[in-house]
């Protein structure tokens, strides 16, 4: 996971959370012998997925068996984390997705502080419907402005 300053962050997780992994679907296809499969962002190939799973959705994969436990659709109202670009590490709910045929689709995301920002749909990783399926690092994916950050630092120095 990333923090809002685009740094890779390590944080402790519980054993229950370590038993599964969230994977973003890169492509869904059918083999020459008519076997459906999907490929995830980390290179996993999973055969016979649920037919409702589409590209850009997130699948919850059991690490031990490499089977799909659950999936989360990439749609309005779901919680997501931005995994690439300028807004990397920010967490919010998907507002609306603008389709641009022949170009990049743009998603509008609103974070818990009420800030709205836009990013490409390829940069979004859906992490839950109403509640996050994974624990979030310190800051919970909310990017502070320069003034808020400075005030927080000044208050910390006073104590």
Protein backbone atom coordinates (compact mmCIF):
# COMPACT_ATOMS: atom_id res chain seq x y z
CA UNK A 1 0.00 0.00 0.00
CA UNK A 2 0.99 3.62 -0.48
CA UNK A 3 0.57 6.66 1.75
CA UNK A 4 -0.64 10.00 0.38
CA UNK A 5 2.94 11.15 -0.17
CA UNK A 6 3.43 8.35 -2.75
CA UNK A 7 5.70 6.30 -0.49
CA UNK A 8 5.42 2.52 -0.18
CA UNK A 9 4.30 1.80 3.40
CA UNK A 10 4.59 -1.39 5.41
CA UNK A 11 2.08 -1.97 8.17
CA UNK A 12 1.02 -4.93 10.29
CA UNK A 13 -1.98 -7.01 9.30
CA UNK A 14 -3.91 -9.67 11.20
CA UNK A 15 -3.68 -13.40 10.33
CA UNK A 16 -7.23 -13.38 8.95
CA UNK A 17 -6.30 -10.59 6.51
CA UNK A 18 -3.09 -12.39 5.50
CA UNK A 19 -5.10 -15.37 4.21
CA UNK A 20 -6.44 -13.47 1.17
CA UNK A 21 -5.30 -10.91 -1.38
CA UNK A 22 -7.16 -8.32 -3.44
CA UNK A 23 -6.29 -8.49 -7.14
CA UNK A 24 -7.36 -6.12 -9.92
CA UNK A 25 -8.64 -7.81 -13.09
CA UNK A 26 -6.56 -6.85 -16.15
CA UNK A 27 -8.30 -8.97 -18.78
CA UNK A 28 -11.08 -11.54 -19.15
CA UNK A 29 -10.87 -13.90 -22.14
CA UNK A 30 -11.71 -17.36 -23.45
CA UNK A 31 -9.06 -19.91 -24.54
CA UNK A 32 -9.09 -21.76 -27.86
CA UNK A 33 -10.83 -24.65 -26.11
CA UNK A 34 -13.57 -22.30 -24.83
CA UNK A 35 -12.33 -22.14 -21.20
CA UNK A 36 -12.94 -18.70 -19.66
CA UNK A 37 -10.10 -17.18 -17.65
CA UNK A 38 -9.00 -13.88 -16.16
CA UNK A 39 -5.60 -12.32 -15.57
CA UNK A 40 -4.94 -10.14 -12.51
CA UNK A 41 -2.58 -7.21 -11.98
CA UNK A 42 0.02 -9.45 -10.30
CA UNK A 43 0.12 -12.00 -13.15
CA UNK A 44 -2.23 -14.64 -11.73
CA UNK A 45 -4.33 -16.53 -14.25
CA UNK A 46 -7.57 -17.87 -12.80
CA UNK A 47 -9.76 -20.24 -14.81
CA UNK A 48 -13.56 -20.43 -14.70
CA UNK A 49 -14.27 -17.05 -13.04
CA UNK A 50 -17.78 -15.81 -12.28
CA UNK A 51 -19.28 -14.48 -15.56
CA UNK A 52 -20.23 -11.22 -13.78
CA UNK A 53 -16.55 -10.31 -13.27
CA UNK A 54 -15.34 -7.71 -15.79
CA UNK A 55 -12.10 -5.81 -16.46
CA UNK A 56 -11.15 -3.28 -13.71
CA UNK A 57 -13.15 -5.18 -11.05
CA UNK A 58 -11.35 -6.49 -7.96
CA UNK A 59 -11.31 -10.15 -6.97
CA UNK A 60 -10.60 -11.45 -3.47
CA UNK A 61 -8.26 -14.42 -3.93
CA UNK A 62 -7.52 -17.06 -1.29
CA UNK A 63 -3.71 -17.21 -1.09
CA UNK A 64 -3.55 -20.92 -0.18
CA UNK A 65 -5.83 -22.29 -2.93
CA UNK A 66 -5.58 -19.48 -5.54
CA UNK A 67 -9.40 -19.50 -5.86
CA UNK A 68 -11.74 -16.50 -6.03
CA UNK A 69 -13.59 -15.97 -2.73
CA UNK A 70 -15.48 -12.80 -3.66
CA UNK A 71 -15.40 -9.92 -6.14
CA UNK A 72 -16.09 -6.19 -6.00
CA UNK A 73 -17.45 -4.31 -9.02
CA UNK A 74 -15.80 -1.12 -10.31
CA UNK A 75 -18.89 1.09 -10.04
CA UNK A 76 -20.24 4.24 -8.40
CA UNK A 77 -20.31 4.29 -4.60
CA UNK A 78 -17.57 1.71 -4.05
CA UNK A 79 -14.45 2.48 -2.01
CA UNK A 80 -11.21 2.70 -3.99
CA UNK A 81 -7.52 3.50 -3.61
CA UNK A 82 -5.57 5.31 -6.30
CA UNK A 83 -2.56 3.14 -7.16
CA UNK A 84 -0.80 5.25 -9.81
CA UNK A 85 -0.38 8.88 -10.81
CA UNK A 86 -0.35 12.10 -8.86
CA UNK A 87 -3.04 11.00 -6.39
CA UNK A 88 -1.35 7.72 -5.43
CA UNK A 89 -2.36 6.51 -1.95
CA UNK A 90 -5.58 8.51 -1.73
CA UNK A 91 -8.72 6.60 -0.71
CA UNK A 92 -12.28 7.60 -1.53
CA UNK A 93 -15.59 6.60 -3.06
CA UNK A 94 -16.08 6.53 -6.82
CA UNK A 95 -18.39 9.36 -7.86
CA UNK A 96 -18.94 8.90 -11.56
CA UNK A 97 -16.95 7.52 -14.48
CA UNK A 98 -16.76 9.52 -17.72
CA UNK A 99 -16.38 7.30 -20.77
CA UNK A 100 -14.11 8.66 -23.52
CA UNK A 101 -14.05 6.23 -26.47
CA UNK A 102 -10.57 6.04 -28.00
CA UNK A 103 -9.01 7.80 -25.02
CA UNK A 104 -8.74 7.37 -21.25
CA UNK A 105 -11.86 7.04 -19.07
CA UNK A 106 -11.87 9.49 -16.15
CA UNK A 107 -13.20 8.65 -12.67
CA UNK A 108 -14.27 11.25 -10.13
CA UNK A 109 -13.35 10.24 -6.56
CA UNK A 110 -14.47 11.85 -3.28
CA UNK A 111 -12.40 11.20 -0.15
CA UNK A 112 -13.60 11.10 3.48
CA UNK A 113 -12.64 14.77 4.00
CA UNK A 114 -14.98 15.80 1.17
CA UNK A 115 -12.27 16.62 -1.38
CA UNK A 116 -13.11 15.63 -4.96
CA UNK A 117 -10.40 14.73 -7.48
CA UNK A 118 -10.28 13.05 -10.87
CA UNK A 119 -8.00 10.30 -12.16
CA UNK A 120 -7.87 7.70 -14.93
CA UNK A 121 -9.86 4.52 -14.31
CA UNK A 122 -6.70 2.42 -14.85
CA UNK A 123 -5.22 4.11 -11.76
CA UNK A 124 -8.09 3.03 -9.49
CA UNK A 125 -8.03 -0.12 -7.36
CA UNK A 126 -11.41 -0.94 -5.77
CA UNK A 127 -10.88 -2.04 -2.14
CA UNK A 128 -14.42 -2.43 -0.84
CA UNK A 129 -18.08 -1.62 -1.25
CA UNK A 130 -18.90 0.53 1.80
CA UNK A 131 -16.06 -0.62 4.06
CA UNK A 132 -12.48 -1.43 3.06
CA UNK A 133 -11.65 -5.15 2.74
CA UNK A 134 -8.02 -4.41 3.75
CA UNK A 135 -6.62 -2.36 6.62
CA UNK A 136 -5.34 1.07 5.61
CA UNK A 137 -2.06 2.69 6.71
CA UNK A 138 -1.81 5.75 8.96
CA UNK A 139 -3.80 8.69 7.59
CA UNK A 140 -6.47 6.43 6.06
CA UNK A 141 -5.71 7.75 2.55
CA UNK A 142 -6.76 11.34 3.22
CA UNK A 143 -4.36 13.88 1.72
CA UNK A 144 -3.90 16.99 3.86
CA UNK A 145 -3.35 20.41 2.34
CA UNK A 146 -0.06 22.21 3.04
CA UNK A 147 -1.78 24.44 5.63
CA UNK A 148 -3.43 21.49 7.44
CA UNK A 149 -0.14 19.60 7.48
CA UNK A 150 1.76 22.58 8.88
CA UNK A 151 -0.87 23.20 11.57
CA UNK A 152 -0.74 19.53 12.60
CA UNK A 153 3.08 19.69 12.82
CA UNK A 154 2.97 22.89 14.89
CA UNK A 155 0.44 21.36 17.29
CA UNK A 156 2.64 18.27 17.64
CA UNK A 157 5.68 20.43 18.54
CA UNK A 158 3.72 22.26 21.27
CA UNK A 159 2.96 19.01 23.07
